[in-house]
Amino acid sequence: MACGDQGRWTNAGNLLSQSARFLLGPDEANSIVDAVENVVKTGWYRTLRAVGVSEHDVGILKGAFAYPGFRLAPGVPPAQSERVPPTAPSAASRPAPRKASGRKRKTAP
């Protein structure tokens, strides 16, 4: 979803760039972004585990909630130590492919 001047970039500055669209002043918009960021940072792990997400999958999803680039200025790459490496599920954790249906398809008249 496009949410700011820089489209879909998930970044505080981008979110705040369109605060006037929601009739919010800069201070009020900043307070809202700070509050939401705090709720997400402090509760994402507990929430995922409470609904049954495995520890392995929580590790995979971490970068979606604890995103180090959220407070970066536009065009500034995160420091090497702050980058969250992409984590692909191992072959063992991937679900087996589904079998093809045994039903016959109807042909068009």
Protein backbone atom coordinates (compact mmCIF):
# COMPACT_ATOMS: atom_id res chain seq x y z
CA MET A 1 0.00 0.00 0.00
CA ALA A 2 1.42 3.39 -0.92
CA CYS A 3 1.55 5.39 2.29
CA GLY A 4 3.80 8.37 1.65
CA ASP A 5 5.77 10.45 -0.78
CA GLN A 6 8.06 7.47 -1.42
CA GLY A 7 5.31 4.95 -2.09
CA ARG A 8 5.46 1.65 -0.25
CA TRP A 9 8.78 2.17 1.55
CA THR A 10 8.19 1.17 5.17
CA ASN A 11 9.95 4.02 6.87
CA ALA A 12 8.94 6.55 9.52
CA GLY A 13 9.86 9.50 7.31
CA ASN A 14 7.78 8.15 4.45
CA LEU A 15 4.78 7.59 6.72
CA LEU A 16 5.11 11.10 8.15
CA SER A 17 5.40 12.69 4.71
CA GLN A 18 1.65 12.43 4.21
CA SER A 19 0.48 13.37 7.72
CA ALA A 20 -1.41 16.41 6.40
CA ARG A 21 -3.57 14.09 4.29
CA PHE A 22 -4.92 12.75 7.60
CA LEU A 23 -5.28 16.23 9.08
CA LEU A 24 -2.42 15.61 11.50
CA GLY A 25 0.25 18.09 12.43
CA PRO A 26 3.87 16.90 12.46
CA ASP A 27 4.03 16.48 16.26
CA GLU A 28 0.79 14.52 16.46
CA ALA A 29 1.77 12.30 13.52
CA ASN A 30 5.19 11.68 15.07
CA SER A 31 3.58 10.68 18.36
CA ILE A 32 1.32 8.18 16.58
CA VAL A 33 4.21 6.65 14.61
CA ASP A 34 6.31 6.44 17.80
CA ALA A 35 3.48 4.74 19.70
CA VAL A 36 2.77 2.20 16.95
CA GLU A 37 6.48 1.48 16.54
CA ASN A 38 6.78 0.86 20.29
CA VAL A 39 3.79 -1.51 20.33
CA VAL A 40 5.14 -3.49 17.37
CA LYS A 41 8.73 -3.64 18.69
CA THR A 42 7.68 -4.78 22.16
CA GLY A 43 4.87 -7.13 21.22
CA TRP A 44 5.54 -8.79 17.87
CA TYR A 45 7.43 -11.80 19.23
CA ARG A 46 4.98 -12.51 22.06
CA THR A 47 2.00 -12.14 19.71
CA LEU A 48 3.37 -14.52 17.07
CA ARG A 49 4.27 -17.16 19.65
CA ALA A 50 0.85 -16.80 21.35
CA VAL A 51 -0.93 -17.70 18.13
CA GLY A 52 1.24 -20.74 17.52
CA VAL A 53 3.96 -19.52 15.16
CA SER A 54 7.01 -21.79 15.55
CA GLU A 55 10.30 -20.43 16.84
CA HIS A 56 11.85 -21.18 13.44
CA ASP A 57 9.17 -19.20 11.57
CA VAL A 58 9.39 -16.35 14.09
CA GLY A 59 13.07 -16.09 13.17
CA ILE A 60 12.15 -15.88 9.50
CA LEU A 61 9.55 -13.17 10.14
CA LYS A 62 11.69 -11.07 12.50
CA GLY A 63 12.80 -8.63 9.80
CA ALA A 64 9.19 -7.70 9.06
CA PHE A 65 8.71 -6.42 12.62
CA ALA A 66 12.18 -5.39 13.79
CA TYR A 67 13.14 -3.56 10.61
CA PRO A 68 16.43 -1.67 11.11
CA GLY A 69 15.70 0.75 8.24
CA PHE A 70 12.51 2.11 9.78
CA ARG A 71 14.23 5.25 11.11
CA LEU A 72 16.71 5.77 8.25
CA ALA A 73 16.74 8.98 6.27
CA PRO A 74 15.81 8.50 2.59
CA GLY A 75 18.61 7.01 0.52
CA VAL A 76 20.77 6.01 3.50
CA PRO A 77 21.56 2.28 3.54
CA PRO A 78 21.64 0.56 6.95
CA ALA A 79 25.07 -0.13 8.41
CA GLN A 80 26.37 -3.61 7.64
CA SER A 81 25.77 -4.71 11.25
CA GLU A 82 22.15 -3.52 11.14
CA ARG A 83 21.18 -5.42 8.01
CA VAL A 84 18.86 -8.34 8.55
CA PRO A 85 20.02 -11.14 6.26
CA PRO A 86 17.28 -12.75 4.20
CA THR A 87 16.42 -16.12 5.65
CA ALA A 88 14.93 -18.75 3.40
CA PRO A 89 13.22 -21.76 4.92
CA SER A 90 15.29 -24.91 4.73
CA ALA A 91 14.20 -27.70 2.41
CA ALA A 92 13.24 -29.76 5.46
CA SER A 93 10.78 -27.11 6.69
CA ARG A 94 9.05 -26.61 3.35
CA PRO A 95 5.71 -28.36 2.91
CA ALA A 96 5.59 -31.25 0.47
CA PRO A 97 4.15 -30.37 -2.94
CA ARG A 98 0.44 -31.00 -3.28
CA LYS A 99 -0.69 -33.88 -5.42
CA ALA A 100 -2.57 -33.10 -8.59
CA SER A 101 -6.30 -33.54 -8.40
CA GLY A 102 -7.69 -36.84 -9.65
CA ARG A 103 -10.85 -35.09 -10.86
CA LYS A 104 -11.40 -34.81 -14.56
CA ARG A 105 -11.72 -31.33 -15.94
CA LYS A 106 -14.82 -30.43 -17.85
CA THR A 107 -14.11 -29.46 -21.40
CA ALA A 108 -15.72 -26.40 -22.90
CA PRO A 109 -18.63 -27.16 -25.25
